[in-house]
Each structure stands twice: as C-alpha cells, then as structure tokens.
N, C-alpha and C. Protein backbone atom coordinates (compact mmCIF):
# COMPACT_ATOMS: atom_id res chain seq x y z
N MET A 1 18.73 -6.34 -11.12
CA MET A 1 18.82 -6.07 -9.17
C MET A 1 18.48 -4.74 -8.51
N ASN A 2 17.89 -3.85 -8.90
CA ASN A 2 17.22 -2.94 -9.19
C ASN A 2 16.13 -2.52 -8.00
N LYS A 3 14.89 -3.66 -8.55
CA LYS A 3 14.24 -3.92 -7.04
C LYS A 3 14.77 -4.65 -6.24
N GLU A 4 15.31 -5.52 -6.20
CA GLU A 4 16.09 -5.11 -4.91
C GLU A 4 16.26 -5.06 -3.42
N ILE A 5 17.21 -3.79 -4.80
CA ILE A 5 17.79 -2.58 -3.72
C ILE A 5 17.24 -1.63 -3.63
N GLU A 6 15.50 -1.42 -4.03
CA GLU A 6 15.13 -0.56 -3.82
C GLU A 6 14.13 -1.67 -2.77
N VAL A 7 13.81 -2.35 -2.75
CA VAL A 7 13.80 -3.45 -1.47
C VAL A 7 13.92 -3.29 -0.19
N ILE A 8 15.27 -3.28 -0.40
CA ILE A 8 16.07 -3.43 0.99
C ILE A 8 16.59 -1.91 1.48
N GLU A 9 16.15 -1.03 0.93
CA GLU A 9 16.82 0.62 0.68
C GLU A 9 15.48 1.07 1.58
N ALA A 10 14.71 0.14 1.07
CA ALA A 10 13.04 1.33 1.54
C ALA A 10 12.76 0.19 2.78
N GLY A 11 13.09 -0.25 2.62
CA GLY A 11 12.93 -1.25 4.26
C GLY A 11 13.29 -0.69 5.45
N TYR A 12 15.18 -0.19 4.63
CA TYR A 12 16.41 -0.38 5.79
C TYR A 12 15.90 1.55 6.56
N GLU A 13 15.02 2.18 5.35
CA GLU A 13 14.62 3.30 5.59
C GLU A 13 13.73 3.64 6.70
N TYR A 14 12.74 2.54 6.64
CA TYR A 14 11.56 1.88 7.51
C TYR A 14 11.43 1.86 8.46
N LEU A 15 12.71 1.26 9.05
CA LEU A 15 13.48 0.74 10.00
C LEU A 15 14.55 1.83 11.25
N LEU A 16 14.81 2.62 10.35
CA LEU A 16 15.61 3.64 11.12
C LEU A 16 14.15 4.62 11.60
N ALA A 17 12.95 4.67 11.45
CA ALA A 17 12.28 5.97 11.47
C ALA A 17 11.38 4.43 12.80
N TYR A 18 10.75 3.49 12.22
CA TYR A 18 10.42 2.67 13.16
C TYR A 18 11.22 2.82 14.97
N ALA A 19 12.47 3.01 14.39
CA ALA A 19 13.76 2.86 15.66
C ALA A 19 13.22 3.79 16.28
N ALA A 20 12.76 4.82 16.21
CA ALA A 20 12.74 6.32 16.39
C ALA A 20 11.76 6.39 17.34
N GLN A 21 10.70 5.93 16.70
CA GLN A 21 9.48 6.17 17.72
C GLN A 21 9.05 5.95 18.75
N GLY A 22 10.19 4.64 19.28
CA GLY A 22 10.37 4.16 20.88
C GLY A 22 9.00 3.72 21.88
N LYS A 23 8.50 2.52 20.69
CA LYS A 23 8.15 1.53 20.30
C LYS A 23 8.23 0.43 21.23
N GLU A 24 7.50 0.10 22.40
CA GLU A 24 8.46 -1.35 23.36
C GLU A 24 8.34 -2.39 21.62
N THR A 25 6.46 -2.20 21.35
CA THR A 25 6.09 -3.51 20.58
C THR A 25 5.96 -3.45 19.61
N ASP A 26 5.15 -3.92 18.88
CA ASP A 26 4.98 -3.65 17.70
C ASP A 26 3.41 -4.50 17.47
N LEU A 27 2.74 -5.12 18.63
CA LEU A 27 2.10 -5.84 19.15
C LEU A 27 0.22 -3.91 19.40
N ALA A 28 0.02 -4.20 17.44
CA ALA A 28 -1.03 -3.28 18.19
C ALA A 28 -2.64 -3.36 17.70
N GLY A 29 -2.73 -4.38 17.29
CA GLY A 29 -3.53 -5.14 17.02
C GLY A 29 -3.86 -6.23 16.00
N SER A 30 -4.81 -6.72 15.50
CA SER A 30 -4.57 -8.41 14.70
C SER A 30 -3.84 -8.46 13.24
N GLY A 31 -3.01 -9.22 13.10
CA GLY A 31 -2.73 -9.06 11.82
C GLY A 31 -1.31 -8.81 12.05
N MET A 32 -0.72 -8.70 11.66
CA MET A 32 0.58 -8.61 10.98
C MET A 32 1.28 -7.70 10.73
N SER A 33 2.17 -6.73 11.81
CA SER A 33 2.57 -5.15 11.92
C SER A 33 2.96 -4.99 10.43
N GLU A 34 3.35 -3.91 10.59
CA GLU A 34 3.84 -3.29 9.86
C GLU A 34 5.68 -3.48 9.60
N VAL A 35 6.44 -2.91 11.02
CA VAL A 35 7.43 -3.83 10.62
C VAL A 35 7.37 -5.18 10.20
N ARG A 36 6.82 -5.69 11.19
CA ARG A 36 6.20 -7.18 10.84
C ARG A 36 6.79 -7.37 8.64
N GLN A 37 6.17 -6.94 7.98
CA GLN A 37 5.69 -6.86 6.54
C GLN A 37 7.04 -6.86 6.61
N THR A 38 7.68 -5.18 6.52
CA THR A 38 8.86 -4.45 6.37
C THR A 38 9.61 -5.93 6.14
N LEU A 39 9.69 -6.39 7.84
CA LEU A 39 10.98 -7.19 7.93
C LEU A 39 10.78 -8.75 6.68
N THR A 40 10.24 -8.76 6.82
CA THR A 40 9.79 -9.83 6.35
C THR A 40 9.68 -10.50 4.55
N SER A 41 9.09 -9.11 4.34
CA SER A 41 9.86 -8.64 2.47
C SER A 41 11.35 -8.37 2.08
N MET A 42 11.62 -7.45 3.54
CA MET A 42 13.34 -8.04 3.05
C MET A 42 13.96 -9.61 3.13
N ALA A 43 13.63 -10.48 4.46
CA ALA A 43 14.14 -10.99 3.83
C ALA A 43 14.16 -12.12 2.87
N GLY A 44 12.55 -12.59 2.35
CA GLY A 44 12.55 -13.53 1.22
C GLY A 44 13.08 -12.25 -0.21
N THR A 45 13.67 -10.55 -0.13
CA THR A 45 14.61 -10.34 -0.82
C THR A 45 15.88 -10.66 -0.80
N LEU A 46 16.39 -10.96 0.19
CA LEU A 46 17.53 -11.34 0.35
C LEU A 46 17.56 -13.22 0.00
N THR A 47 17.02 -13.70 0.63
CA THR A 47 16.07 -15.75 -0.25
C THR A 47 17.04 -16.17 -1.60
N GLU A 48 15.58 -14.52 -2.34
CA GLU A 48 15.94 -14.24 -3.82
C GLU A 48 18.18 -14.01 -3.63
N ILE A 49 17.34 -13.26 -3.83
CA ILE A 49 19.84 -12.47 -3.36
C ILE A 49 20.88 -13.27 -3.65
N ILE A 50 20.54 -14.58 -2.21
CA ILE A 50 21.09 -15.34 -1.96
C ILE A 50 21.28 -16.42 -2.64
N THR A 51 19.41 -17.40 -3.84
CA THR A 51 19.67 -17.39 -4.83
C THR A 51 20.81 -17.05 -5.78
N ILE A 52 20.57 -16.50 -6.32
CA ILE A 52 20.58 -16.21 -7.68
C ILE A 52 21.93 -15.76 -7.53
N HIS A 53 22.87 -15.06 -7.13
CA HIS A 53 23.93 -15.01 -6.33
C HIS A 53 25.09 -15.82 -6.06
N LYS A 54 24.57 -16.98 -5.59
CA LYS A 54 25.45 -18.47 -5.31
C LYS A 54 25.56 -18.95 -6.67
N ALA A 55 24.99 -18.91 -7.74
CA ALA A 55 24.76 -19.31 -9.65
C ALA A 55 26.02 -18.42 -9.91
N THR A 56 26.48 -16.97 -9.65
CA THR A 56 26.82 -16.41 -10.88
C THR A 56 28.38 -16.54 -10.50
N PRO A 57 28.98 -16.41 -11.50
CA PRO A 57 29.97 -16.50 -11.69
C PRO A 57 31.29 -15.81 -11.35
N ILE A 58 30.55 -14.00 -10.91
CA ILE A 58 31.82 -13.16 -10.38
C ILE A 58 32.52 -13.27 -9.33
N SER A 59 33.18 -12.75 -9.42
CA SER A 59 34.19 -13.41 -7.49
C SER A 59 33.43 -12.50 -6.64
N PHE A 60 32.73 -11.40 -6.95
CA PHE A 60 32.49 -10.34 -5.63
C PHE A 60 31.18 -11.59 -5.35
N SER A 61 30.47 -12.32 -6.17
CA SER A 61 29.58 -12.76 -5.61
C SER A 61 29.53 -13.99 -4.48
N TRP A 62 30.39 -14.02 -3.60
CA TRP A 62 30.49 -14.80 -2.84
C TRP A 62 30.57 -13.50 -1.23
N VAL A 63 31.32 -12.15 -1.88
CA VAL A 63 31.32 -11.45 -0.95
C VAL A 63 29.02 -10.73 -0.02
N LEU A 64 28.30 -10.73 -1.52
CA LEU A 64 27.62 -10.68 -1.78
C LEU A 64 26.60 -12.05 -0.89
N VAL A 65 26.48 -12.26 -0.94
CA VAL A 65 26.02 -13.71 -0.96
C VAL A 65 25.99 -13.89 0.52
N ASP A 66 27.33 -13.59 1.20
CA ASP A 66 27.94 -13.99 2.78
C ASP A 66 27.23 -12.67 3.02
N ASP A 67 27.29 -11.45 2.71
CA ASP A 67 26.64 -10.58 3.54
C ASP A 67 25.11 -10.73 3.51
N ALA A 68 24.57 -11.13 2.47
CA ALA A 68 22.97 -11.46 2.60
C ALA A 68 22.85 -12.74 3.06
N LYS A 69 23.52 -13.57 3.79
CA LYS A 69 23.36 -14.66 4.76
C LYS A 69 23.06 -14.14 6.21
N LYS A 70 24.36 -13.16 6.28
CA LYS A 70 24.56 -12.27 7.72
C LYS A 70 22.81 -11.45 7.77
N ALA A 71 22.63 -10.94 7.02
CA ALA A 71 21.85 -9.65 7.58
C ALA A 71 20.70 -10.20 6.95
N TYR A 72 20.25 -11.84 6.48
CA TYR A 72 19.62 -12.73 6.88
C TYR A 72 18.75 -13.04 7.83
N ALA A 73 20.16 -13.27 8.70
CA ALA A 73 20.13 -14.16 9.99
C ALA A 73 19.62 -13.16 10.97
N ALA A 74 20.15 -12.06 10.51
CA ALA A 74 19.76 -11.14 11.52
C ALA A 74 18.78 -10.90 11.85
N ILE A 75 18.01 -10.30 10.50
CA ILE A 75 16.59 -10.34 10.31
C ILE A 75 15.99 -11.53 11.24
N ASP A 76 16.62 -12.84 10.99
CA ASP A 76 15.44 -13.47 10.98
C ASP A 76 15.48 -13.66 12.99
N LEU A 77 16.17 -13.13 13.19
CA LEU A 77 16.13 -13.25 14.68
C LEU A 77 15.08 -11.97 15.28
N VAL A 78 15.14 -10.88 14.63
CA VAL A 78 13.72 -9.99 14.69
C VAL A 78 12.99 -10.74 15.14
N LEU A 79 12.60 -11.15 14.04
CA LEU A 79 11.11 -11.63 13.32
C LEU A 79 10.53 -12.98 14.23
N THR A 80 11.44 -13.28 15.03
CA THR A 80 11.60 -15.01 16.08
C THR A 80 11.10 -13.89 17.28
N GLN A 81 11.55 -13.13 17.20
CA GLN A 81 9.90 -12.13 18.15
C GLN A 81 9.50 -11.75 18.92
N LYS A 82 8.70 -12.19 20.29
CA LYS A 82 7.30 -12.31 20.09
C LYS A 82 7.25 -10.79 20.49
N ASN A 83 7.79 -10.07 20.82
CA ASN A 83 7.53 -8.39 20.40
C ASN A 83 9.46 -7.77 19.47
N ILE A 84 8.45 -6.75 18.31
CA ILE A 84 9.70 -6.07 18.40
C ILE A 84 9.08 -4.71 18.64
N SER A 85 10.78 -4.10 19.37
CA SER A 85 11.15 -2.86 20.01
C SER A 85 11.58 -1.93 19.10
N SER A 86 11.50 -1.07 19.71
CA SER A 86 12.68 -0.08 18.50
C SER A 86 13.15 -0.06 19.10
N GLU A 87 13.89 -0.53 20.21
CA GLU A 87 15.37 -0.41 20.88
C GLU A 87 15.77 -2.46 19.80
N ILE A 88 15.07 -2.81 19.64
CA ILE A 88 16.27 -4.20 18.38
C ILE A 88 15.88 -3.32 16.80
N VAL A 89 15.12 -3.03 16.76
CA VAL A 89 15.65 -2.55 15.02
C VAL A 89 17.05 -1.86 15.51
N ASP A 90 16.90 -0.95 16.14
CA ASP A 90 18.18 -0.17 15.83
C ASP A 90 18.69 -0.48 16.27
N ASN A 91 19.18 -1.12 16.73
CA ASN A 91 19.48 -2.68 17.44
C ASN A 91 20.53 -3.44 15.73
N LEU A 92 19.45 -3.44 15.13
CA LEU A 92 19.89 -3.91 14.21
C LEU A 92 20.03 -3.77 12.97
N ASN A 93 19.74 -2.15 13.13
CA ASN A 93 20.10 -1.42 11.81
C ASN A 93 21.59 -0.51 12.81
N ALA A 94 22.02 -0.93 13.05
CA ALA A 94 23.40 -0.59 14.00
C ALA A 94 24.01 -1.19 12.99
N SER A 95 23.17 -3.06 13.06
CA SER A 95 24.06 -4.34 12.49
C SER A 95 24.86 -3.81 11.49
N ILE A 96 26.07 -4.03 11.36
CA ILE A 96 27.15 -4.23 9.78
C ILE A 96 26.86 -4.68 9.48
N HIS A 97 25.68 -5.63 9.08
CA HIS A 97 25.71 -6.63 8.56
C HIS A 97 24.37 -5.97 7.42
N LEU A 98 22.96 -6.09 7.84
CA LEU A 98 22.46 -4.49 7.22
C LEU A 98 23.68 -3.31 6.08
N ARG A 99 24.02 -2.59 7.04
CA ARG A 99 25.17 -1.89 5.43
C ARG A 99 25.82 -2.71 5.24
N ALA A 100 26.92 -3.62 5.60
CA ALA A 100 27.54 -4.24 4.47
C ALA A 100 26.41 -4.50 3.31
N LEU A 101 25.83 -4.48 3.87
CA LEU A 101 24.79 -6.00 2.30
C LEU A 101 24.21 -4.33 1.74
N LEU A 102 23.92 -3.40 1.72
CA LEU A 102 23.32 -2.18 1.19
C LEU A 102 24.52 -1.55 0.21
N THR A 103 25.62 -1.68 1.23
CA THR A 103 26.83 -1.27 0.57
C THR A 103 27.52 -1.83 -1.51
N ASP A 104 27.17 -3.02 -0.31
CA ASP A 104 27.34 -4.08 -1.29
C ASP A 104 26.25 -4.01 -3.29
N LEU A 105 25.34 -4.31 -2.07
CA LEU A 105 24.39 -3.99 -3.16
C LEU A 105 24.56 -3.09 -4.02
N PHE A 106 25.04 -1.24 -3.99
CA PHE A 106 25.22 -0.94 -4.40
C PHE A 106 26.00 -1.14 -5.16
N LEU A 107 27.76 -1.04 -4.82
CA LEU A 107 28.91 -1.39 -6.24
C LEU A 107 27.89 -2.17 -6.92
N LEU A 108 26.95 -3.23 -6.49
CA LEU A 108 27.33 -4.63 -7.80
C LEU A 108 26.06 -3.22 -8.92
N SER A 109 25.82 -2.90 -8.32
CA SER A 109 24.91 -2.08 -8.93
C SER A 109 24.99 -1.18 -10.03
N GLU A 110 26.22 -0.51 -9.22
CA GLU A 110 27.03 1.05 -9.52
C GLU A 110 27.54 -0.18 -11.11
N ALA A 111 28.49 -1.07 -10.74
CA ALA A 111 29.51 -1.66 -11.66
C ALA A 111 28.44 -2.03 -12.72
N GLU A 112 27.62 -2.81 -12.14
CA GLU A 112 26.94 -3.61 -13.29
C GLU A 112 25.97 -2.20 -15.03
N THR A 113 26.42 -0.84 -14.24
CA THR A 113 26.02 -0.42 -15.27
C THR A 113 27.07 0.85 -15.89
N LYS A 114 28.09 0.86 -15.17
CA LYS A 114 29.11 0.93 -15.79
C LYS A 114 30.31 0.21 -16.96
N SER A 115 29.69 -1.42 -17.30
CA SER A 115 29.54 -2.17 -17.83
C SER A 115 29.71 -1.99 -19.04
C-alpha cells in the first residue's frame, strides 16, 4: 500500500504546483509532458488499487474502490483534453474524489499498521 500512497500523494503534490503556474497548455514540445506522465502514472496506480481491493474481503474496500474509480474517471477526463491547463488541473485538485481517495489510503494504511 505504501507504493500506491507515494504515487498518488506525489502526483497530487505535483498537480498542486502545476495548477499554480498559470499555464494555458502542457504542450511545450515533443513527447509526453510531465503533467501527462504524472496523471498517467496516477491512473495506472488507481487501476492497480481497484483490481487489488475489489477482491479484498474487508468492508472498507468497497469505499476505497468506489473512490478510486471516481478519481480515475476525473483523471481520465483531464488526460483526454488536447491541452492540459493549470485551470483544469486546479479543478481536478479541488475535486472531492482525489482528496477522498488520499484520505482513504491514509486511513487504510494507518489501520494496517495498527493491526
């Protein structure tokens, strides 16, 4: 679970910094931009979380999976945009879905360490 937390938390922190830059677009040259790489990494981790926790018998898993699916959908929406502006990332950051997911991950991690 620590790897998943690190990817999502680091991605969220990067997105906060990106949102503050006031960029109109992420297209600065050829290749995949850093913001797209970050979002793609987060989406991949969310897919792993969903897959692993769908099969977990603890009751909290359905909450985590539900929030991960919602966060994935929000990230996917941003990734489908031709240009990823700071404004759209700011709105993604403000989304309750990403923040709920982070809280879920922290809660589950803390519960696992206390068991």
